[in-house]
Structure formats: C-alpha cells, structure tokens
Amino acid sequence: MDAQQLAQAVAEGMWAQDRASQALGMQLGAVGPGTAAITMTVRPDMLNGFALCHGGLIGTLADSAFAFACNSGNQLTVASGYSIDISAGARAGDVLTAQARRIAATGRTGLYDVQVRNQRDELIAEFRGRAYRLKGQRVVAELPVEGEL
C-alpha cells in the first residue's frame, strides 16, 4: 500500500461514519496525502434570510475537506482552530467545491489551507485550519499509518 492508497482507504473509512457531511449532501471527491476535495450543492434549506448560503455551512464544507486532508495518513488528527474569510456569496443551486491541502506539518501540528469555489471557479471562501495529531491513535484501526508504509 502506498501513501495514495492509504489516503483513499482512510477517506472511505471516515466517510462511512461522517453523518454530518452526508446529511448536508456533500460528496467526497479526490483525496491524497495531505489533500482532499469535497463538493456540496447549495439547497434552498441552506439559505439565510438574504437568499445566500449560510456562512456556517460554507465553513462546514471547508472544515470537512480539512478533516479528510489532515487525517489522510491514518493518524487521528483534530482541529485546534481555524479561520475563514468569505469573499462572495453562494446561491441555491451553486455547486461548491472545497479543496484542502497541507501547507506544513511539524511534529504533532499541521497547517492546512482550503479554498471554496463555485462551479464557475469563483472564489467563495478561504479557510485556514490548524491541526493537532493525537498520539498513537489511528483513524482506521486495521490500516497502517503513513510512516509505516
């Protein structure tokens, strides 16, 4: 098993348990070592009083992509914080894609950037997540961790 295969297997294990992302209609796209893409179509029940996608849901999409990217090595990793800047609104029917990538990983901490774009490739939001890896815990127990490959 190489790092790409490990990332895919971990993502499949995570996705099977991710009821929140599934309930919001998200779809898991490409994953790789330190990367992940997730899409979500904005539904009418996701709109705020201005007929725009609720900012919290845009953040949730970005956070989901962040989670898949930072756990791709099968070492249980959680968010220690994040920030998000929303640069444009999204409307019903828009298809949003959150693309996460690892910027840095040192020891048990990591830094990840996520861009959320619509189907016209317009930037909707920029998200920066800080991750903390829990010592000795795997995401999927029967799989190796990245350093064991």
N, C-alpha and C. Protein backbone atom coordinates (compact mmCIF):
# COMPACT_ATOMS: atom_id res chain seq x y z
N MET A 1 0.86 -1.18 0.00
CA MET A 1 0.00 0.00 0.00
C MET A 1 0.90 1.24 0.00
N ASP A 2 0.64 2.16 -0.93
CA ASP A 2 1.41 3.41 -0.94
C ASP A 2 0.59 4.52 -0.26
N ALA A 3 1.16 5.72 -0.18
CA ALA A 3 0.52 6.83 0.53
C ALA A 3 -0.81 7.22 -0.11
N GLN A 4 -0.92 7.16 -1.43
CA GLN A 4 -2.18 7.48 -2.11
C GLN A 4 -3.26 6.46 -1.76
N GLN A 5 -2.90 5.18 -1.80
CA GLN A 5 -3.86 4.13 -1.46
C GLN A 5 -4.29 4.24 0.00
N LEU A 6 -3.36 4.58 0.87
CA LEU A 6 -3.68 4.75 2.29
C LEU A 6 -4.67 5.91 2.46
N ALA A 7 -4.39 7.03 1.82
CA ALA A 7 -5.29 8.19 1.93
C ALA A 7 -6.69 7.83 1.46
N GLN A 8 -6.80 7.09 0.38
CA GLN A 8 -8.12 6.69 -0.14
C GLN A 8 -8.82 5.75 0.83
N ALA A 9 -8.10 4.77 1.37
CA ALA A 9 -8.71 3.83 2.30
C ALA A 9 -9.17 4.52 3.59
N VAL A 10 -8.37 5.44 4.09
CA VAL A 10 -8.74 6.20 5.30
C VAL A 10 -9.98 7.04 5.01
N ALA A 11 -9.99 7.71 3.86
CA ALA A 11 -11.14 8.54 3.50
C ALA A 11 -12.42 7.72 3.43
N GLU A 12 -12.34 6.53 2.86
CA GLU A 12 -13.52 5.67 2.77
C GLU A 12 -14.01 5.28 4.16
N GLY A 13 -13.07 4.98 5.06
CA GLY A 13 -13.45 4.66 6.44
C GLY A 13 -14.06 5.84 7.17
N MET A 14 -13.48 7.02 6.98
CA MET A 14 -14.04 8.23 7.61
C MET A 14 -15.42 8.54 7.05
N TRP A 15 -15.55 8.48 5.70
CA TRP A 15 -16.80 8.85 5.06
C TRP A 15 -17.96 7.97 5.55
N ALA A 16 -17.70 6.70 5.76
CA ALA A 16 -18.74 5.79 6.22
C ALA A 16 -19.34 6.23 7.56
N GLN A 17 -18.58 6.96 8.35
CA GLN A 17 -19.04 7.40 9.68
C GLN A 17 -19.42 8.88 9.73
N ASP A 18 -19.25 9.61 8.65
CA ASP A 18 -19.44 11.06 8.66
C ASP A 18 -20.89 11.43 8.34
N ARG A 19 -21.73 11.31 9.34
CA ARG A 19 -23.15 11.58 9.13
C ARG A 19 -23.44 13.06 8.85
N ALA A 20 -22.68 13.95 9.43
CA ALA A 20 -22.92 15.39 9.23
C ALA A 20 -22.69 15.77 7.77
N SER A 21 -21.56 15.39 7.21
CA SER A 21 -21.27 15.73 5.81
C SER A 21 -22.28 15.08 4.87
N GLN A 22 -22.63 13.84 5.16
CA GLN A 22 -23.60 13.15 4.32
C GLN A 22 -24.97 13.81 4.40
N ALA A 23 -25.39 14.23 5.59
CA ALA A 23 -26.70 14.86 5.76
C ALA A 23 -26.80 16.17 5.00
N LEU A 24 -25.67 16.85 4.82
CA LEU A 24 -25.66 18.10 4.07
C LEU A 24 -25.51 17.87 2.57
N GLY A 25 -25.51 16.61 2.15
CA GLY A 25 -25.43 16.28 0.73
C GLY A 25 -24.05 16.41 0.14
N MET A 26 -23.03 16.45 0.98
CA MET A 26 -21.66 16.56 0.47
C MET A 26 -21.27 15.28 -0.25
N GLN A 27 -20.34 15.44 -1.19
CA GLN A 27 -19.79 14.31 -1.93
C GLN A 27 -18.28 14.36 -1.81
N LEU A 28 -17.70 13.24 -1.43
CA LEU A 28 -16.25 13.13 -1.31
C LEU A 28 -15.65 12.99 -2.70
N GLY A 29 -14.71 13.85 -3.01
CA GLY A 29 -14.01 13.79 -4.31
C GLY A 29 -12.64 13.18 -4.14
N ALA A 30 -11.69 13.70 -4.85
CA ALA A 30 -10.33 13.18 -4.83
C ALA A 30 -9.67 13.43 -3.48
N VAL A 31 -8.96 12.43 -3.00
CA VAL A 31 -8.14 12.56 -1.79
C VAL A 31 -6.74 12.07 -2.10
N GLY A 32 -5.79 12.56 -1.33
CA GLY A 32 -4.41 12.14 -1.47
C GLY A 32 -3.68 12.48 -0.20
N PRO A 33 -2.41 12.20 -0.13
CA PRO A 33 -1.64 12.55 1.06
C PRO A 33 -1.70 14.06 1.31
N GLY A 34 -2.37 14.45 2.38
CA GLY A 34 -2.47 15.86 2.75
C GLY A 34 -3.42 16.68 1.91
N THR A 35 -4.25 16.03 1.10
CA THR A 35 -5.20 16.76 0.26
C THR A 35 -6.56 16.09 0.27
N ALA A 36 -7.59 16.90 -0.01
CA ALA A 36 -8.94 16.36 -0.15
C ALA A 36 -9.82 17.39 -0.84
N ALA A 37 -10.79 16.90 -1.59
CA ALA A 37 -11.79 17.77 -2.23
C ALA A 37 -13.17 17.22 -1.88
N ILE A 38 -14.06 18.12 -1.51
CA ILE A 38 -15.44 17.76 -1.20
C ILE A 38 -16.35 18.78 -1.86
N THR A 39 -17.46 18.30 -2.44
CA THR A 39 -18.42 19.19 -3.07
C THR A 39 -19.74 19.18 -2.31
N MET A 40 -20.49 20.26 -2.48
CA MET A 40 -21.81 20.38 -1.87
C MET A 40 -22.65 21.29 -2.76
N THR A 41 -23.83 20.84 -3.10
CA THR A 41 -24.78 21.67 -3.84
C THR A 41 -25.62 22.45 -2.84
N VAL A 42 -25.71 23.75 -3.02
CA VAL A 42 -26.46 24.61 -2.10
C VAL A 42 -27.96 24.37 -2.36
N ARG A 43 -28.65 23.91 -1.31
CA ARG A 43 -30.08 23.64 -1.37
C ARG A 43 -30.85 24.83 -0.81
N PRO A 44 -32.13 24.94 -1.14
CA PRO A 44 -32.93 26.04 -0.60
C PRO A 44 -32.96 26.08 0.93
N ASP A 45 -32.89 24.92 1.58
CA ASP A 45 -32.92 24.92 3.05
C ASP A 45 -31.57 25.32 3.66
N MET A 46 -30.59 25.66 2.83
CA MET A 46 -29.29 26.11 3.31
C MET A 46 -29.15 27.64 3.22
N LEU A 47 -30.21 28.30 2.76
CA LEU A 47 -30.15 29.74 2.55
C LEU A 47 -30.53 30.51 3.80
N ASN A 48 -29.88 31.66 3.97
CA ASN A 48 -30.23 32.56 5.07
C ASN A 48 -31.33 33.52 4.60
N GLY A 49 -31.62 34.53 5.38
CA GLY A 49 -32.67 35.48 5.06
C GLY A 49 -32.38 36.37 3.89
N PHE A 50 -31.18 36.32 3.34
CA PHE A 50 -30.79 37.11 2.17
C PHE A 50 -30.72 36.26 0.91
N ALA A 51 -31.22 35.03 0.98
CA ALA A 51 -31.19 34.07 -0.12
C ALA A 51 -29.77 33.70 -0.52
N LEU A 52 -28.85 33.73 0.45
CA LEU A 52 -27.47 33.30 0.26
C LEU A 52 -27.21 32.09 1.15
N CYS A 53 -26.27 31.26 0.72
CA CYS A 53 -25.90 30.11 1.55
C CYS A 53 -25.39 30.62 2.90
N HIS A 54 -25.89 30.04 3.95
CA HIS A 54 -25.46 30.42 5.30
C HIS A 54 -23.95 30.23 5.42
N GLY A 55 -23.27 31.25 5.93
CA GLY A 55 -21.81 31.20 6.05
C GLY A 55 -21.32 30.03 6.87
N GLY A 56 -22.08 29.63 7.87
CA GLY A 56 -21.69 28.48 8.68
C GLY A 56 -21.64 27.19 7.89
N LEU A 57 -22.48 27.09 6.88
CA LEU A 57 -22.48 25.89 6.04
C LEU A 57 -21.30 25.89 5.08
N ILE A 58 -20.90 27.08 4.62
CA ILE A 58 -19.69 27.18 3.81
C ILE A 58 -18.49 26.76 4.67
N GLY A 59 -18.47 27.21 5.91
CA GLY A 59 -17.41 26.81 6.84
C GLY A 59 -17.43 25.33 7.12
N THR A 60 -18.61 24.75 7.22
CA THR A 60 -18.72 23.31 7.46
C THR A 60 -18.15 22.52 6.29
N LEU A 61 -18.44 22.96 5.07
CA LEU A 61 -17.87 22.30 3.89
C LEU A 61 -16.35 22.35 3.93
N ALA A 62 -15.80 23.53 4.20
CA ALA A 62 -14.34 23.68 4.27
C ALA A 62 -13.76 22.82 5.39
N ASP A 63 -14.42 22.79 6.54
CA ASP A 63 -13.95 22.01 7.68
C ASP A 63 -13.94 20.52 7.36
N SER A 64 -14.92 20.06 6.61
CA SER A 64 -14.96 18.65 6.23
C SER A 64 -13.78 18.30 5.33
N ALA A 65 -13.49 19.14 4.34
CA ALA A 65 -12.34 18.89 3.47
C ALA A 65 -11.05 18.90 4.28
N PHE A 66 -10.93 19.84 5.18
CA PHE A 66 -9.78 19.94 6.10
C PHE A 66 -9.60 18.64 6.87
N ALA A 67 -10.68 18.10 7.41
CA ALA A 67 -10.60 16.86 8.20
C ALA A 67 -10.08 15.69 7.37
N PHE A 68 -10.56 15.56 6.15
CA PHE A 68 -10.10 14.46 5.30
C PHE A 68 -8.64 14.64 4.91
N ALA A 69 -8.23 15.86 4.66
CA ALA A 69 -6.82 16.11 4.29
C ALA A 69 -5.89 15.82 5.46
N CYS A 70 -6.24 16.27 6.65
CA CYS A 70 -5.29 16.13 7.76
C CYS A 70 -5.30 14.73 8.38
N ASN A 71 -6.26 13.90 8.03
CA ASN A 71 -6.27 12.53 8.53
C ASN A 71 -5.82 11.51 7.48
N SER A 72 -5.35 11.98 6.34
CA SER A 72 -5.03 11.10 5.22
C SER A 72 -3.91 10.10 5.51
N GLY A 73 -3.10 10.37 6.50
CA GLY A 73 -2.02 9.45 6.87
C GLY A 73 -2.42 8.43 7.93
N ASN A 74 -3.72 8.40 8.28
CA ASN A 74 -4.28 7.46 9.25
C ASN A 74 -3.81 7.69 10.68
N GLN A 75 -3.40 8.92 10.98
CA GLN A 75 -3.07 9.29 12.36
C GLN A 75 -4.16 10.26 12.80
N LEU A 76 -4.94 9.87 13.80
CA LEU A 76 -6.10 10.66 14.22
C LEU A 76 -5.70 12.10 14.52
N THR A 77 -6.27 13.02 13.76
CA THR A 77 -5.92 14.43 13.83
C THR A 77 -7.20 15.24 13.95
N VAL A 78 -7.19 16.20 14.86
CA VAL A 78 -8.36 17.05 15.10
C VAL A 78 -8.00 18.51 14.87
N ALA A 79 -9.01 19.32 14.71
CA ALA A 79 -8.80 20.76 14.54
C ALA A 79 -8.46 21.37 15.89
N SER A 80 -7.47 22.24 15.90
CA SER A 80 -7.18 23.02 17.10
C SER A 80 -7.64 24.46 16.91
N GLY A 81 -8.07 24.77 15.71
CA GLY A 81 -8.63 26.09 15.41
C GLY A 81 -8.65 26.32 13.92
N TYR A 82 -9.44 27.30 13.52
CA TYR A 82 -9.47 27.69 12.12
C TYR A 82 -10.02 29.09 11.98
N SER A 83 -9.77 29.67 10.82
CA SER A 83 -10.36 30.95 10.47
C SER A 83 -10.88 30.83 9.05
N ILE A 84 -11.87 31.65 8.74
CA ILE A 84 -12.43 31.62 7.39
C ILE A 84 -12.77 33.03 6.98
N ASP A 85 -12.49 33.33 5.73
CA ASP A 85 -12.86 34.60 5.12
C ASP A 85 -13.76 34.27 3.94
N ILE A 86 -14.96 34.82 3.97
CA ILE A 86 -15.91 34.60 2.88
C ILE A 86 -15.84 35.81 1.95
N SER A 87 -15.53 35.55 0.70
CA SER A 87 -15.32 36.64 -0.25
C SER A 87 -16.48 36.85 -1.20
N ALA A 88 -17.38 35.89 -1.32
CA ALA A 88 -18.53 36.01 -2.20
C ALA A 88 -19.65 35.11 -1.69
N GLY A 89 -20.86 35.44 -2.04
CA GLY A 89 -22.00 34.64 -1.63
C GLY A 89 -22.23 33.48 -2.58
N ALA A 90 -22.94 32.49 -2.09
CA ALA A 90 -23.35 31.35 -2.91
C ALA A 90 -24.86 31.27 -2.83
N ARG A 91 -25.48 30.88 -3.92
CA ARG A 91 -26.93 30.85 -4.02
C ARG A 91 -27.43 29.42 -4.24
N ALA A 92 -28.72 29.24 -4.10
CA ALA A 92 -29.33 27.93 -4.32
C ALA A 92 -28.94 27.41 -5.70
N GLY A 93 -28.55 26.16 -5.75
CA GLY A 93 -28.13 25.52 -6.99
C GLY A 93 -26.65 25.59 -7.26
N ASP A 94 -25.94 26.50 -6.58
CA ASP A 94 -24.49 26.55 -6.76
C ASP A 94 -23.86 25.26 -6.26
N VAL A 95 -22.86 24.80 -6.98
CA VAL A 95 -22.09 23.63 -6.56
C VAL A 95 -20.75 24.14 -6.04
N LEU A 96 -20.55 23.97 -4.75
CA LEU A 96 -19.33 24.44 -4.10
C LEU A 96 -18.35 23.29 -3.95
N THR A 97 -17.09 23.57 -4.21
CA THR A 97 -16.04 22.58 -4.01
C THR A 97 -15.01 23.15 -3.06
N ALA A 98 -14.74 22.41 -1.99
CA ALA A 98 -13.69 22.77 -1.04
C ALA A 98 -12.48 21.92 -1.35
N GLN A 99 -11.37 22.57 -1.66
CA GLN A 99 -10.11 21.88 -1.97
C GLN A 99 -9.12 22.18 -0.86
N ALA A 100 -8.76 21.16 -0.09
CA ALA A 100 -7.85 21.31 1.05
C ALA A 100 -6.47 20.79 0.69
N ARG A 101 -5.45 21.47 1.24
CA ARG A 101 -4.08 20.99 1.05
C ARG A 101 -3.24 21.34 2.27
N ARG A 102 -2.34 20.43 2.58
CA ARG A 102 -1.42 20.64 3.70
C ARG A 102 -0.39 21.69 3.31
N ILE A 103 -0.18 22.65 4.18
CA ILE A 103 0.83 23.68 3.98
C ILE A 103 2.10 23.32 4.75
N ALA A 104 1.91 22.83 5.97
CA ALA A 104 3.06 22.47 6.81
C ALA A 104 2.62 21.44 7.83
N ALA A 105 3.55 20.57 8.21
CA ALA A 105 3.33 19.61 9.29
C ALA A 105 4.65 19.44 10.02
N THR A 106 4.60 19.72 11.31
CA THR A 106 5.80 19.62 12.14
C THR A 106 5.40 18.95 13.45
N GLY A 107 6.05 17.84 13.75
CA GLY A 107 5.70 17.13 14.99
C GLY A 107 4.24 16.71 14.96
N ARG A 108 3.49 17.17 15.94
CA ARG A 108 2.08 16.78 16.02
C ARG A 108 1.13 17.87 15.54
N THR A 109 1.64 18.93 14.93
CA THR A 109 0.77 20.00 14.45
C THR A 109 0.87 20.15 12.95
N GLY A 110 -0.17 20.71 12.37
CA GLY A 110 -0.19 20.94 10.94
C GLY A 110 -0.98 22.18 10.59
N LEU A 111 -0.74 22.67 9.41
CA LEU A 111 -1.41 23.86 8.90
C LEU A 111 -1.96 23.51 7.52
N TYR A 112 -3.24 23.81 7.30
CA TYR A 112 -3.93 23.44 6.06
C TYR A 112 -4.70 24.64 5.52
N ASP A 113 -4.67 24.81 4.21
CA ASP A 113 -5.46 25.82 3.54
C ASP A 113 -6.54 25.14 2.73
N VAL A 114 -7.72 25.76 2.74
CA VAL A 114 -8.85 25.25 1.97
C VAL A 114 -9.44 26.41 1.18
N GLN A 115 -9.59 26.21 -0.10
CA GLN A 115 -10.31 27.18 -0.94
C GLN A 115 -11.66 26.58 -1.29
N VAL A 116 -12.70 27.40 -1.17
CA VAL A 116 -14.04 27.01 -1.58
C VAL A 116 -14.37 27.81 -2.83
N ARG A 117 -14.70 27.11 -3.90
CA ARG A 117 -15.02 27.75 -5.18
C ARG A 117 -16.35 27.21 -5.69
N ASN A 118 -17.04 28.01 -6.49
CA ASN A 118 -18.29 27.55 -7.09
C ASN A 118 -18.02 26.90 -8.45
N GLN A 119 -19.10 26.51 -9.12
CA GLN A 119 -18.99 25.80 -10.39
C GLN A 119 -18.42 26.68 -11.50
N ARG A 120 -18.38 27.98 -11.29
CA ARG A 120 -17.77 28.90 -12.27
C ARG A 120 -16.31 29.21 -11.89
N ASP A 121 -15.77 28.47 -10.93
CA ASP A 121 -14.41 28.64 -10.42
C ASP A 121 -14.19 30.00 -9.75
N GLU A 122 -15.28 30.59 -9.24
CA GLU A 122 -15.18 31.85 -8.49
C GLU A 122 -14.88 31.53 -7.03
N LEU A 123 -13.96 32.28 -6.45
CA LEU A 123 -13.60 32.07 -5.06
C LEU A 123 -14.75 32.50 -4.15
N ILE A 124 -15.18 31.62 -3.28
CA ILE A 124 -16.24 31.89 -2.31
C ILE A 124 -15.64 32.13 -0.93
N ALA A 125 -14.65 31.31 -0.56
CA ALA A 125 -14.07 31.45 0.78
C ALA A 125 -12.66 30.89 0.83
N GLU A 126 -11.89 31.44 1.77
CA GLU A 126 -10.55 30.94 2.11
C GLU A 126 -10.59 30.54 3.58
N PHE A 127 -10.13 29.35 3.85
CA PHE A 127 -10.17 28.75 5.20
C PHE A 127 -8.75 28.34 5.54
N ARG A 128 -8.30 28.62 6.74
CA ARG A 128 -7.00 28.13 7.22
C ARG A 128 -7.25 27.36 8.51
N GLY A 129 -6.85 26.09 8.50
CA GLY A 129 -7.07 25.24 9.66
C GLY A 129 -5.76 24.83 10.32
N ARG A 130 -5.81 24.79 11.63
CA ARG A 130 -4.69 24.30 12.42
C ARG A 130 -5.08 22.94 12.99
N ALA A 131 -4.19 21.97 12.82
CA ALA A 131 -4.49 20.59 13.19
C ALA A 131 -3.55 20.11 14.30
N TYR A 132 -4.07 19.17 15.10
CA TYR A 132 -3.28 18.57 16.16
C TYR A 132 -3.47 17.05 16.08
N ARG A 133 -2.36 16.33 15.93
CA ARG A 133 -2.40 14.87 15.83
C ARG A 133 -2.35 14.25 17.21
N LEU A 134 -3.31 13.37 17.49
CA LEU A 134 -3.35 12.67 18.77
C LEU A 134 -2.35 11.53 18.76
N LYS A 135 -1.60 11.41 19.80
CA LYS A 135 -0.51 10.43 19.86
C LYS A 135 -1.05 9.00 19.87
N GLY A 136 -0.54 8.20 18.94
CA GLY A 136 -0.80 6.76 18.93
C GLY A 136 -2.20 6.34 18.57
N GLN A 137 -3.02 7.20 17.99
CA GLN A 137 -4.39 6.82 17.63
C GLN A 137 -4.56 6.83 16.11
N ARG A 138 -5.17 5.77 15.61
CA ARG A 138 -5.40 5.63 14.18
C ARG A 138 -6.86 5.97 13.85
N VAL A 139 -7.07 6.43 12.63
CA VAL A 139 -8.42 6.68 12.15
C VAL A 139 -9.11 5.35 11.86
N VAL A 140 -8.42 4.48 11.12
CA VAL A 140 -8.92 3.15 10.78
C VAL A 140 -7.94 2.15 11.39
N ALA A 141 -8.40 1.44 12.42
CA ALA A 141 -7.51 0.60 13.23
C ALA A 141 -6.72 -0.42 12.43
N GLU A 142 -7.31 -1.01 11.41
CA GLU A 142 -6.63 -2.09 10.69
C GLU A 142 -5.68 -1.63 9.61
N LEU A 143 -5.59 -0.32 9.39
CA LEU A 143 -4.68 0.20 8.38
C LEU A 143 -3.40 0.72 9.02
N PRO A 144 -2.29 0.71 8.26
CA PRO A 144 -1.03 1.26 8.79
C PRO A 144 -1.12 2.78 8.85
N VAL A 145 -0.17 3.40 9.50
CA VAL A 145 -0.04 4.86 9.45
C VAL A 145 0.99 5.18 8.37
N GLU A 146 0.98 6.41 7.93
CA GLU A 146 1.82 6.82 6.80
C GLU A 146 3.30 6.46 7.01
N GLY A 147 3.82 6.63 8.20
CA GLY A 147 5.22 6.34 8.47
C GLY A 147 5.58 4.87 8.44
N GLU A 148 4.59 3.99 8.42
CA GLU A 148 4.84 2.53 8.41
C GLU A 148 4.84 1.95 6.99
N LEU A 149 4.55 2.76 5.99
CA LEU A 149 4.46 2.25 4.61
C LEU A 149 5.80 1.82 4.07
